[in-house]
């Protein structure tokens, strides 16, 4: 409760600007009203006041919302939270709070959103059918059904769907006879993070693969220790590897893992990636709604490494590489950037696509994409040398610097932009800035962000030191 009270914005909401505020604000108000009903809040008056202000903000967000982000399970989470909030509003008469003025009001879904998918999931779980692996991660949308969900059980270290919220929903009560491991895991997570917990943990494979790949791409040596290689290959199979325990294997994590293993000198066949191949390119997981350019850029990274061995133009790796190059070129925005469903910033997607395209054989289309990306980055640099979606951040500045360097452009304007970006990174604290990565809410994988900043600093310094005028 103290965390929620301390992090409420001046306008009564929570979280980032625009549509990204909806889920954090719904969730925070739901928690505040839950605390009021249970009469276990730190301060009834303060909690009621915060809930009242939050409800005011929600009426604005839901009536005329900014475009909602393409975050995982948003069409399940928003209806579930609104249902829960409306139940709380029906009990406000029982609470001695200033929020009573809401007792005869109900919140509506954002325009265009329905209960259809949530209702279908409820029917599936209520009927006792096994819960698909990709739904484990958002099991908290079924608080009444989650404890009895068929086939769902914690995996080491005690997590359900690599999500503290889903784990708590499955647990139902700390006294659950078979829940000791889950309770211990949640207690460890709360202790480790000091109260508020991340939406996803653990993310061991994801974290180690991205850090290794990022540093290796920048030319920084990473020791191929047996423990690192072992952790990256532990769950790698014919269907790929998942980000964390209880999650389905996905092409994004799998491709970055394969790329990292190759750079560590422990290459593994990328054939498992073809499990994710579609008519458009490669899906993040089978049945995905939408298309991820960063997933496809990472698959391009992984497959391109193997075309040096398999040189025939009709080899499946070469054919897939050509399709991926075309798909990324076609999805580049008119101004030269890319956007993606796994990150709030165009700079992340643009860096992923640019660095992947920069490795393949040059062609007019590839050269045009690289030039356009560099031009967009040059046009969006801020006065202090940084780049950023809402404000300048170290993370986004790192991606912008990587894009400029990967583009191959070495004009005076590019060199000066890299110099200013490097100065900004050198004088920052290296923590990256706000959470920008998409999951059920925005989150920050801090070690991955730190690796991106280190990599960009290394690449910028190498470039600037190589130029005679910078000696």
Protein backbone atom coordinates (compact mmCIF):
# COMPACT_ATOMS: atom_id res chain seq x y z
CA UNK A 1 0.00 0.00 0.00
CA UNK A 2 2.81 2.41 0.79
CA UNK A 3 4.34 1.73 -2.62
CA UNK A 4 1.04 2.45 -4.38
CA UNK A 5 0.48 5.65 -2.43
CA UNK A 6 4.03 6.84 -3.09
CA UNK A 7 3.91 6.18 -6.83
CA UNK A 8 0.52 7.73 -7.68
CA UNK A 9 0.94 10.47 -10.24
CA UNK A 10 -0.25 14.02 -9.73
CA UNK A 11 -3.14 13.38 -12.14
CA UNK A 12 -4.35 10.42 -10.05
CA UNK A 13 -3.05 7.66 -12.33
CA UNK A 14 -0.13 5.26 -12.23
CA UNK A 15 2.45 4.17 -14.73
CA UNK A 16 3.72 5.70 -17.99
CA UNK A 17 1.85 8.23 -20.14
CA UNK A 18 -1.02 7.58 -22.52
CA UNK A 19 -2.51 4.15 -23.02
CA UNK A 20 0.28 2.55 -21.00
CA UNK A 21 -1.34 4.03 -17.86
CA UNK A 22 -4.53 2.00 -18.14
CA UNK A 23 -3.43 -1.37 -16.73
CA UNK A 24 -1.25 0.08 -13.93
CA UNK A 25 -4.08 2.41 -12.87
CA UNK A 26 -6.74 -0.30 -13.03
CA UNK A 27 -4.50 -2.62 -11.03
CA UNK A 28 -3.54 -0.03 -8.43
CA UNK A 29 -7.14 1.06 -7.79
CA UNK A 30 -8.26 -2.57 -7.60
CA UNK A 31 -5.59 -3.20 -4.96
CA UNK A 32 -6.57 -0.11 -2.98
CA UNK A 33 -10.25 -1.07 -2.93
CA UNK A 34 -9.32 -4.63 -1.98
CA UNK A 35 -7.38 -3.26 0.97
CA UNK A 36 -10.31 -1.05 2.02
CA UNK A 37 -12.69 -4.01 1.92
CA UNK A 38 -10.33 -6.15 3.99
CA UNK A 39 -9.64 -3.22 6.36
CA UNK A 40 -5.91 -3.99 6.28
CA UNK A 41 -4.60 -0.79 4.69
CA UNK A 42 -1.84 1.35 6.15
CA UNK A 43 -4.15 4.35 6.30
CA UNK A 44 -7.83 4.12 5.46
CA UNK A 45 -8.10 7.84 4.78
CA UNK A 46 -5.04 7.98 2.51
CA UNK A 47 -5.98 4.79 0.66
CA UNK A 48 -9.55 5.96 0.12
CA UNK A 49 -8.36 9.31 -1.17
CA UNK A 50 -5.94 7.64 -3.60
CA UNK A 51 -8.64 5.25 -4.81
CA UNK A 52 -11.05 8.14 -5.32
CA UNK A 53 -8.51 10.04 -7.43
CA UNK A 54 -7.65 6.89 -9.34
CA UNK A 55 -11.29 6.25 -10.21
CA UNK A 56 -11.56 9.78 -11.56
CA UNK A 57 -8.57 9.11 -13.78
CA UNK A 58 -10.01 5.80 -14.96
CA UNK A 59 -13.23 7.41 -16.12
CA UNK A 60 -11.14 9.59 -18.43
CA UNK A 61 -8.87 6.76 -19.63
CA UNK A 62 -11.80 4.45 -20.35
CA UNK A 63 -14.05 7.03 -21.94
CA UNK A 64 -11.53 8.51 -24.34
CA UNK A 65 -8.46 6.32 -24.09
CA UNK A 66 -5.18 6.86 -25.86
CA UNK A 67 -4.33 4.02 -28.23
CA UNK A 68 -3.79 0.95 -26.10
CA UNK A 69 -0.40 -0.75 -26.37
CA UNK A 70 -0.05 -4.24 -27.80
CA UNK A 71 0.98 -5.80 -24.51
CA UNK A 72 0.50 -9.52 -23.80
CA UNK A 73 -2.96 -10.58 -22.57
CA UNK A 74 -4.30 -7.01 -22.50
CA UNK A 75 -7.66 -8.27 -23.78
CA UNK A 76 -7.83 -10.60 -20.75
CA UNK A 77 -6.31 -8.36 -18.09
CA UNK A 78 -8.36 -5.21 -18.69
CA UNK A 79 -11.78 -6.96 -18.62
CA UNK A 80 -10.74 -8.99 -15.56
CA UNK A 81 -9.62 -5.91 -13.65
CA UNK A 82 -12.74 -3.97 -14.58
CA UNK A 83 -14.93 -6.87 -13.42
CA UNK A 84 -13.10 -6.95 -10.10
CA UNK A 85 -13.31 -3.19 -9.68
CA UNK A 86 -17.04 -3.20 -10.36
CA UNK A 87 -17.49 -5.87 -7.69
CA UNK A 88 -15.65 -3.65 -5.22
CA UNK A 89 -17.76 -0.65 -6.19
CA UNK A 90 -20.84 -2.67 -5.34
CA UNK A 91 -19.57 -2.97 -1.75
CA UNK A 92 -18.53 0.63 -1.16
CA UNK A 93 -21.55 1.24 1.06
CA UNK A 94 -19.91 -1.08 3.59
CA UNK A 95 -16.72 0.98 3.67
CA UNK A 96 -16.32 4.15 5.78
CA UNK A 97 -14.50 5.95 2.97
CA UNK A 98 -14.62 9.09 0.89
CA UNK A 99 -14.94 6.89 -2.21
CA UNK A 100 -18.59 6.10 -1.44
CA UNK A 101 -19.72 8.47 -4.17
CA UNK A 102 -18.76 5.68 -6.60
CA UNK A 103 -21.06 3.03 -5.11
CA UNK A 104 -23.77 3.38 -7.75
CA UNK A 105 -21.39 3.67 -10.69
CA UNK A 106 -19.70 1.04 -12.83
CA UNK A 107 -16.72 1.12 -15.15
CA UNK A 108 -17.07 0.13 -18.80
CA UNK A 109 -14.59 -1.50 -21.15
CA UNK A 110 -12.55 0.70 -23.49
CA UNK A 111 -14.12 1.18 -26.93
CA UNK A 112 -13.55 -1.85 -29.14
CA UNK A 113 -12.71 -4.24 -26.29
CA UNK A 114 -15.02 -7.09 -25.27
CA UNK A 115 -15.27 -9.85 -22.68
CA UNK A 116 -15.28 -12.49 -25.41
CA UNK A 117 -11.80 -13.92 -24.95
CA UNK A 118 -11.93 -13.73 -21.13
CA UNK A 119 -15.29 -15.49 -21.17
CA UNK A 120 -13.91 -18.21 -23.43
CA UNK A 121 -10.94 -18.74 -21.13
CA UNK A 122 -13.22 -18.91 -18.10
CA UNK A 123 -15.38 -21.55 -19.78
CA UNK A 124 -12.30 -23.57 -20.71
CA UNK A 125 -10.85 -23.57 -17.20
CA UNK A 126 -14.21 -24.04 -15.47
CA UNK A 127 -14.80 -27.14 -17.61
CA UNK A 128 -11.60 -28.69 -16.29
CA UNK A 129 -9.74 -28.56 -19.59
CA UNK A 130 -5.94 -28.29 -19.38
CA UNK A 131 -4.79 -24.68 -19.39
CA UNK A 132 -2.58 -23.86 -22.42
CA UNK A 133 0.97 -23.01 -21.38
CA UNK A 134 0.81 -19.45 -22.73
CA UNK A 135 -2.13 -18.70 -20.38
CA UNK A 136 -0.23 -19.72 -17.26
CA UNK A 137 1.57 -16.39 -17.31
CA UNK A 138 -1.71 -14.46 -16.89
CA UNK A 139 -3.53 -16.89 -14.59
CA UNK A 140 -4.40 -14.03 -12.21
CA UNK A 141 -7.21 -13.02 -14.59
CA UNK A 142 -9.11 -16.01 -13.10
CA UNK A 143 -8.75 -15.46 -9.35
CA UNK A 144 -11.66 -17.73 -8.48
CA UNK A 145 -10.68 -20.55 -10.87
CA UNK A 146 -6.88 -20.42 -10.77
CA UNK A 147 -6.38 -22.55 -7.62
CA UNK A 148 -8.10 -25.50 -9.32
CA UNK A 149 -6.87 -24.94 -12.88
CA UNK A 150 -6.25 -28.31 -14.51
CA UNK A 151 -2.66 -29.21 -15.21
CA UNK A 152 -1.21 -26.08 -13.63
CA UNK A 153 1.49 -26.52 -10.99
CA UNK A 154 4.55 -24.59 -9.89
CA UNK A 155 7.85 -25.34 -11.56
CA UNK A 156 11.22 -24.80 -9.88
CA UNK A 157 11.89 -22.45 -8.13
CA UNK A 158 8.17 -22.47 -7.26
CA UNK A 159 6.76 -20.26 -9.99
CA UNK A 160 3.63 -20.54 -12.12
CA UNK A 161 4.13 -19.09 -15.58
CA UNK A 162 7.25 -17.19 -14.46
CA UNK A 163 4.86 -14.69 -12.88
CA UNK A 164 4.48 -13.75 -9.20
CA UNK A 165 0.90 -12.63 -9.87
CA UNK A 166 -0.02 -15.92 -11.57
CA UNK A 167 1.74 -17.85 -8.80
CA UNK A 168 -0.26 -16.01 -6.12
CA UNK A 169 -3.49 -16.65 -8.02
CA UNK A 170 -2.77 -20.39 -8.28
CA UNK A 171 -1.84 -20.48 -4.60
CA UNK A 172 -5.10 -18.88 -3.49
CA UNK A 173 -4.07 -19.02 0.16
CA UNK A 174 -0.68 -19.35 1.88
CA UNK A 175 -2.08 -22.35 3.72
CA UNK A 176 -2.53 -24.45 0.57
CA UNK A 177 -1.14 -27.92 1.42
CA UNK A 178 0.83 -28.30 -1.84
CA UNK A 179 1.87 -24.65 -1.98
CA UNK A 180 4.98 -24.53 0.18
CA UNK A 181 7.34 -24.15 -2.75
CA UNK A 182 5.21 -21.38 -4.25
CA UNK A 183 5.01 -19.52 -0.91
CA UNK A 184 8.78 -19.76 -0.47
CA UNK A 185 9.30 -18.44 -4.01
CA UNK A 186 6.98 -15.46 -3.46
CA UNK A 187 8.61 -14.67 -0.13
CA UNK A 188 12.02 -14.75 -1.83
CA UNK A 189 10.83 -12.47 -4.65
CA UNK A 190 9.30 -9.95 -2.23
CA UNK A 191 12.47 -9.98 -0.13
CA UNK A 192 14.73 -9.61 -3.18
CA UNK A 193 12.83 -6.71 -4.72
CA UNK A 194 11.91 -4.97 -1.49
CA UNK A 195 8.12 -5.11 -1.76
CA UNK A 196 6.73 -4.47 -5.26
CA UNK A 197 7.57 -7.38 -7.53
CA UNK A 198 8.24 -7.67 -11.28
CA UNK A 199 5.64 -9.02 -13.66
CA UNK A 200 8.04 -11.75 -14.83
CA UNK A 201 10.64 -13.71 -12.89
CA UNK A 202 12.78 -15.71 -13.25
CA UNK A 203 14.05 -14.82 -16.74
CA UNK A 204 17.41 -16.60 -16.60
CA UNK A 205 17.66 -17.79 -20.23
CA UNK A 206 16.27 -14.54 -21.64
CA UNK A 207 18.61 -12.44 -19.52
CA UNK A 208 21.79 -14.41 -20.16
CA UNK A 209 21.12 -14.83 -23.88
CA UNK A 210 20.44 -11.11 -24.45
CA UNK A 211 23.42 -9.96 -22.39
CA UNK A 212 25.78 -12.38 -24.14
CA UNK A 213 24.47 -11.55 -27.62
CA UNK A 214 24.55 -7.79 -27.00
CA UNK A 215 28.13 -7.76 -25.74
CA UNK A 216 29.34 -10.18 -28.42
CA UNK A 217 27.78 -8.10 -31.21
CA UNK A 218 29.69 -5.10 -29.92
CA UNK A 219 32.99 -6.99 -30.06
CA UNK A 220 33.27 -7.47 -26.29
CA UNK A 221 34.65 -10.87 -25.27
CA UNK A 222 32.36 -13.04 -23.17
CA UNK A 223 33.91 -16.03 -21.44
CA UNK A 224 32.29 -19.28 -22.59
CA UNK A 225 32.07 -20.78 -19.14
CA UNK A 226 30.48 -24.24 -18.80
CA UNK A 227 27.84 -22.81 -16.46
CA UNK A 228 26.81 -20.14 -18.99
CA UNK A 229 26.61 -22.59 -21.87
CA UNK A 230 24.83 -25.09 -19.66
CA UNK A 231 22.19 -22.56 -18.61
CA UNK A 232 21.54 -21.57 -22.24
CA UNK A 233 21.19 -25.17 -23.44
CA UNK A 234 19.37 -26.63 -20.43
CA UNK A 235 15.88 -26.20 -21.90
CA UNK A 236 16.78 -25.96 -25.59
CA UNK A 237 14.97 -28.67 -27.54
CA UNK A 238 13.21 -29.41 -30.83
CA UNK A 239 10.60 -26.71 -30.04
CA UNK A 240 13.16 -24.10 -28.94
CA UNK A 241 13.60 -22.64 -25.46
CA UNK A 242 11.32 -20.59 -23.20
CA UNK A 243 12.11 -17.30 -21.51
CA UNK A 244 11.35 -18.78 -18.11
CA UNK A 245 9.80 -21.79 -16.36
CA UNK A 246 6.13 -22.33 -17.16
CA UNK A 247 6.25 -20.27 -20.36
CA UNK A 248 6.02 -21.77 -23.85
CA UNK A 249 9.12 -21.86 -26.04
CA UNK A 250 9.32 -18.82 -28.29
CA UNK A 251 11.25 -17.88 -31.40
CA UNK A 252 12.59 -14.65 -29.89
CA UNK A 253 14.36 -16.22 -26.92
CA UNK A 254 15.34 -19.25 -28.99
CA UNK A 255 16.98 -17.24 -31.76
CA UNK A 256 18.93 -14.97 -29.40
CA UNK A 257 20.04 -18.05 -27.45
CA UNK A 258 21.24 -19.72 -30.64
CA UNK A 259 23.08 -16.56 -31.69
CA UNK A 260 24.72 -16.30 -28.25
CA UNK A 261 25.78 -19.95 -28.27
CA UNK A 262 27.36 -19.52 -31.69
CA UNK A 263 29.32 -16.49 -30.51
CA UNK A 264 30.43 -18.46 -27.45
CA UNK A 265 31.87 -21.14 -29.73
CA UNK A 266 29.17 -23.69 -28.89
CA UNK A 267 26.94 -23.59 -32.00
CA UNK A 268 23.66 -25.49 -32.10
CA UNK A 269 21.59 -26.27 -35.20
CA UNK A 270 18.91 -23.60 -35.77
CA UNK A 271 16.46 -26.09 -37.25
CA UNK A 272 14.15 -25.72 -34.25
CA UNK A 273 13.35 -22.20 -35.46
CA UNK A 274 11.41 -23.56 -38.42
CA UNK A 275 8.78 -24.69 -35.92
CA UNK A 276 7.84 -20.97 -35.86
CA UNK A 277 7.88 -20.30 -39.61
CA UNK A 278 4.78 -18.74 -41.15
CA UNK A 279 3.77 -17.30 -44.50
CA UNK A 280 4.85 -13.84 -43.30
CA UNK A 281 8.11 -14.79 -41.66
CA UNK A 282 8.47 -16.23 -38.15
CA UNK A 283 5.98 -15.96 -35.28
CA UNK A 284 7.06 -15.44 -31.70
CA UNK A 285 5.01 -18.51 -30.81
CA UNK A 286 2.44 -20.54 -32.76
CA UNK A 287 -0.92 -18.77 -32.79
CA UNK A 288 0.55 -15.33 -32.05
CA UNK A 289 -1.72 -12.35 -32.71
CA UNK A 290 0.36 -9.91 -34.72
CA UNK A 291 3.87 -9.79 -36.16
CA UNK A 292 7.08 -8.94 -34.33
CA UNK A 293 9.88 -7.34 -36.35
CA UNK A 294 12.36 -7.82 -33.49
CA UNK A 295 11.63 -11.54 -33.30
CA UNK A 296 12.23 -11.77 -37.04
CA UNK A 297 15.41 -9.69 -36.77
CA UNK A 298 16.71 -12.06 -34.11
CA UNK A 299 15.83 -15.09 -36.23
CA UNK A 300 17.77 -13.43 -39.07
CA UNK A 301 20.76 -13.08 -36.70
CA UNK A 302 20.60 -16.75 -35.80
CA UNK A 303 20.12 -18.13 -39.33
CA UNK A 304 22.63 -15.85 -41.07
CA UNK A 305 25.49 -17.33 -39.04
CA UNK A 306 24.81 -20.72 -40.63
CA UNK A 307 24.67 -19.56 -44.24
CA UNK A 308 28.48 -19.38 -44.29
CA UNK A 309 28.49 -23.17 -44.02
CA UNK A 310 25.38 -23.81 -46.13
CA UNK A 311 26.12 -21.65 -49.17
CA UNK A 312 23.70 -23.12 -51.71
CA UNK A 313 21.10 -20.49 -52.68
CA UNK A 314 18.36 -23.11 -52.44
CA UNK A 315 19.24 -24.14 -48.88
CA UNK A 316 16.43 -23.55 -46.43
CA UNK A 317 18.59 -21.23 -44.31
CA UNK A 318 19.41 -19.03 -47.29
CA UNK A 319 15.78 -18.99 -48.47
CA UNK A 320 14.62 -18.02 -44.96
CA UNK A 321 17.26 -15.27 -44.73
CA UNK A 322 16.08 -13.76 -48.01
CA UNK A 323 12.46 -13.84 -46.80
CA UNK A 324 13.41 -12.21 -43.50
CA UNK A 325 15.38 -9.43 -45.18
CA UNK A 326 12.39 -8.68 -47.41
CA UNK A 327 9.96 -8.79 -44.47
CA UNK A 328 12.00 -6.31 -42.42
CA UNK A 329 12.48 -3.98 -45.37
CA UNK A 330 8.74 -3.98 -46.09
CA UNK A 331 7.83 -3.19 -42.48
CA UNK A 332 10.16 -0.24 -42.05
CA UNK A 333 8.20 2.93 -41.33
CA UNK A 334 8.21 5.74 -43.89
CA UNK A 335 10.45 7.89 -41.67
CA UNK A 336 13.04 5.08 -41.36
CA UNK A 337 12.30 3.51 -37.99
CA UNK A 338 10.70 0.24 -36.95
CA UNK A 339 8.19 -0.34 -34.15
CA UNK A 340 7.46 -3.57 -32.32
CA UNK A 341 5.09 -5.28 -29.94
CA UNK A 342 7.75 -6.15 -27.35
CA UNK A 343 9.08 -2.68 -26.57
CA UNK A 344 7.61 0.80 -26.12
CA UNK A 345 10.45 2.51 -28.00
CA UNK A 346 11.04 2.58 -31.74
CA UNK A 347 14.76 2.82 -30.92
CA UNK A 348 14.89 -0.77 -29.66
CA UNK A 349 13.16 -2.19 -32.73
CA UNK A 350 15.25 -0.02 -35.06
CA UNK A 351 18.49 -1.18 -33.45
CA UNK A 352 17.44 -4.84 -33.67
CA UNK A 353 16.52 -4.57 -37.34
CA UNK A 354 19.48 -2.41 -38.34
CA UNK A 355 22.12 -4.57 -36.66
CA UNK A 356 20.61 -7.72 -38.19
CA UNK A 357 20.41 -6.26 -41.71
CA UNK A 358 23.94 -4.87 -41.45
CA UNK A 359 25.32 -8.42 -41.21
CA UNK A 360 23.75 -9.84 -44.38
CA UNK A 361 24.94 -9.49 -47.97
CA UNK A 362 24.53 -5.89 -49.16
CA UNK A 363 21.77 -5.11 -51.64
CA UNK A 364 19.95 -1.96 -52.77
CA UNK A 365 17.06 -2.75 -50.41
CA UNK A 366 19.32 -3.41 -47.43
CA UNK A 367 21.37 -0.28 -48.09
CA UNK A 368 18.20 1.80 -48.38
CA UNK A 369 16.92 0.47 -45.06
CA UNK A 370 20.20 1.18 -43.28
CA UNK A 371 20.41 4.70 -44.67
CA UNK A 372 16.81 5.48 -43.76
CA UNK A 373 17.34 4.18 -40.22
CA UNK A 374 20.41 6.37 -39.74
CA UNK A 375 18.57 9.41 -41.09
CA UNK A 376 15.69 8.84 -38.65
CA UNK A 377 18.07 8.51 -35.72
CA UNK A 378 19.87 11.71 -36.70
CA UNK A 379 16.56 13.56 -36.90
CA UNK A 380 15.41 12.45 -33.44
CA UNK A 381 18.47 13.23 -31.29
CA UNK A 382 17.72 15.58 -28.40
CA UNK A 383 19.60 18.75 -27.51
CA UNK A 384 21.48 17.02 -24.67
CA UNK A 385 22.76 14.27 -27.00
CA UNK A 386 20.25 11.64 -25.89
CA UNK A 387 17.37 9.87 -27.57
CA UNK A 388 14.06 8.80 -26.06
CA UNK A 389 10.34 8.27 -26.53
CA UNK A 390 9.09 10.34 -23.59
CA UNK A 391 12.37 11.73 -22.28
CA UNK A 392 15.99 11.06 -23.11
CA UNK A 393 17.14 7.73 -21.63
CA UNK A 394 20.43 5.85 -21.49
CA UNK A 395 18.77 2.71 -22.85
CA UNK A 396 17.31 4.38 -25.93
CA UNK A 397 20.48 6.41 -26.47
CA UNK A 398 22.42 3.14 -26.51
CA UNK A 399 20.12 1.73 -29.19
CA UNK A 400 20.40 4.89 -31.27
CA UNK A 401 24.19 4.81 -31.13
CA UNK A 402 24.17 1.13 -32.12
CA UNK A 403 21.89 1.92 -35.06
CA UNK A 404 24.14 4.71 -36.33
CA UNK A 405 27.26 2.57 -36.09
CA UNK A 406 25.61 -0.51 -37.66
CA UNK A 407 24.27 1.57 -40.54
CA UNK A 408 27.79 2.02 -41.87
CA UNK A 409 27.26 5.75 -42.36
CA UNK A 410 30.32 7.81 -41.41
CA UNK A 411 29.30 11.31 -42.41
CA UNK A 412 30.33 14.22 -40.15
CA UNK A 413 26.72 14.39 -38.93
CA UNK A 414 26.76 10.72 -37.91
CA UNK A 415 30.14 11.00 -36.19
CA UNK A 416 29.02 14.07 -34.27
CA UNK A 417 25.77 12.40 -33.22
CA UNK A 418 27.71 9.36 -31.97
CA UNK A 419 30.10 11.65 -30.10
CA UNK A 420 27.23 13.48 -28.37
CA UNK A 421 25.45 10.24 -27.58
CA UNK A 422 28.63 8.76 -26.12
CA UNK A 423 29.10 11.84 -23.94
CA UNK A 424 25.55 11.48 -22.64
CA UNK A 425 26.10 7.80 -21.84
CA UNK A 426 29.47 8.43 -20.21
CA UNK A 427 28.03 11.01 -17.82
CA UNK A 428 24.88 9.03 -16.95
CA UNK A 429 24.35 6.50 -14.19
CA UNK A 430 23.94 3.62 -16.66
CA UNK A 431 20.62 2.43 -15.26
CA UNK A 432 18.82 3.04 -18.54
CA UNK A 433 15.78 5.04 -17.45
CA UNK A 434 12.13 4.03 -17.13
CA UNK A 435 10.68 0.63 -17.87
CA UNK A 436 10.09 0.25 -21.62
CA UNK A 437 9.79 -3.49 -22.24
CA UNK A 438 6.40 -5.02 -22.93
CA UNK A 439 4.94 -7.70 -20.74
CA UNK A 440 1.62 -7.56 -18.92
CA UNK A 441 2.90 -4.17 -17.80
CA UNK A 442 6.06 -2.31 -18.77
CA UNK A 443 9.16 -3.68 -17.07
CA UNK A 444 12.92 -3.22 -17.22
CA UNK A 445 15.31 -6.19 -17.51
CA UNK A 446 18.06 -4.20 -15.82
CA UNK A 447 21.04 -6.39 -16.75
CA UNK A 448 19.99 -6.47 -20.41
CA UNK A 449 19.64 -2.69 -20.44
CA UNK A 450 23.00 -2.29 -18.70
CA UNK A 451 24.60 -4.55 -21.32
CA UNK A 452 23.15 -2.39 -24.11
CA UNK A 453 24.64 0.74 -22.54
CA UNK A 454 28.06 -0.90 -22.08
CA UNK A 455 28.00 -2.20 -25.66
CA UNK A 456 27.11 1.21 -27.10
CA UNK A 457 29.83 2.94 -25.09
CA UNK A 458 32.38 0.40 -26.31
CA UNK A 459 31.32 0.71 -29.95
CA UNK A 460 31.22 4.51 -29.84
CA UNK A 461 34.64 4.74 -28.24
CA UNK A 462 36.08 2.33 -30.81
CA UNK A 463 34.64 4.35 -33.68
CA UNK A 464 35.72 7.73 -32.33
CA UNK A 465 39.23 6.48 -31.51
CA UNK A 466 39.59 5.17 -35.07
CA UNK A 467 39.03 8.59 -36.63
CA UNK A 468 42.13 10.82 -37.06
CA UNK A 469 40.29 13.99 -36.07
CA UNK A 470 39.26 12.39 -32.78
CA UNK A 471 42.73 11.27 -31.73
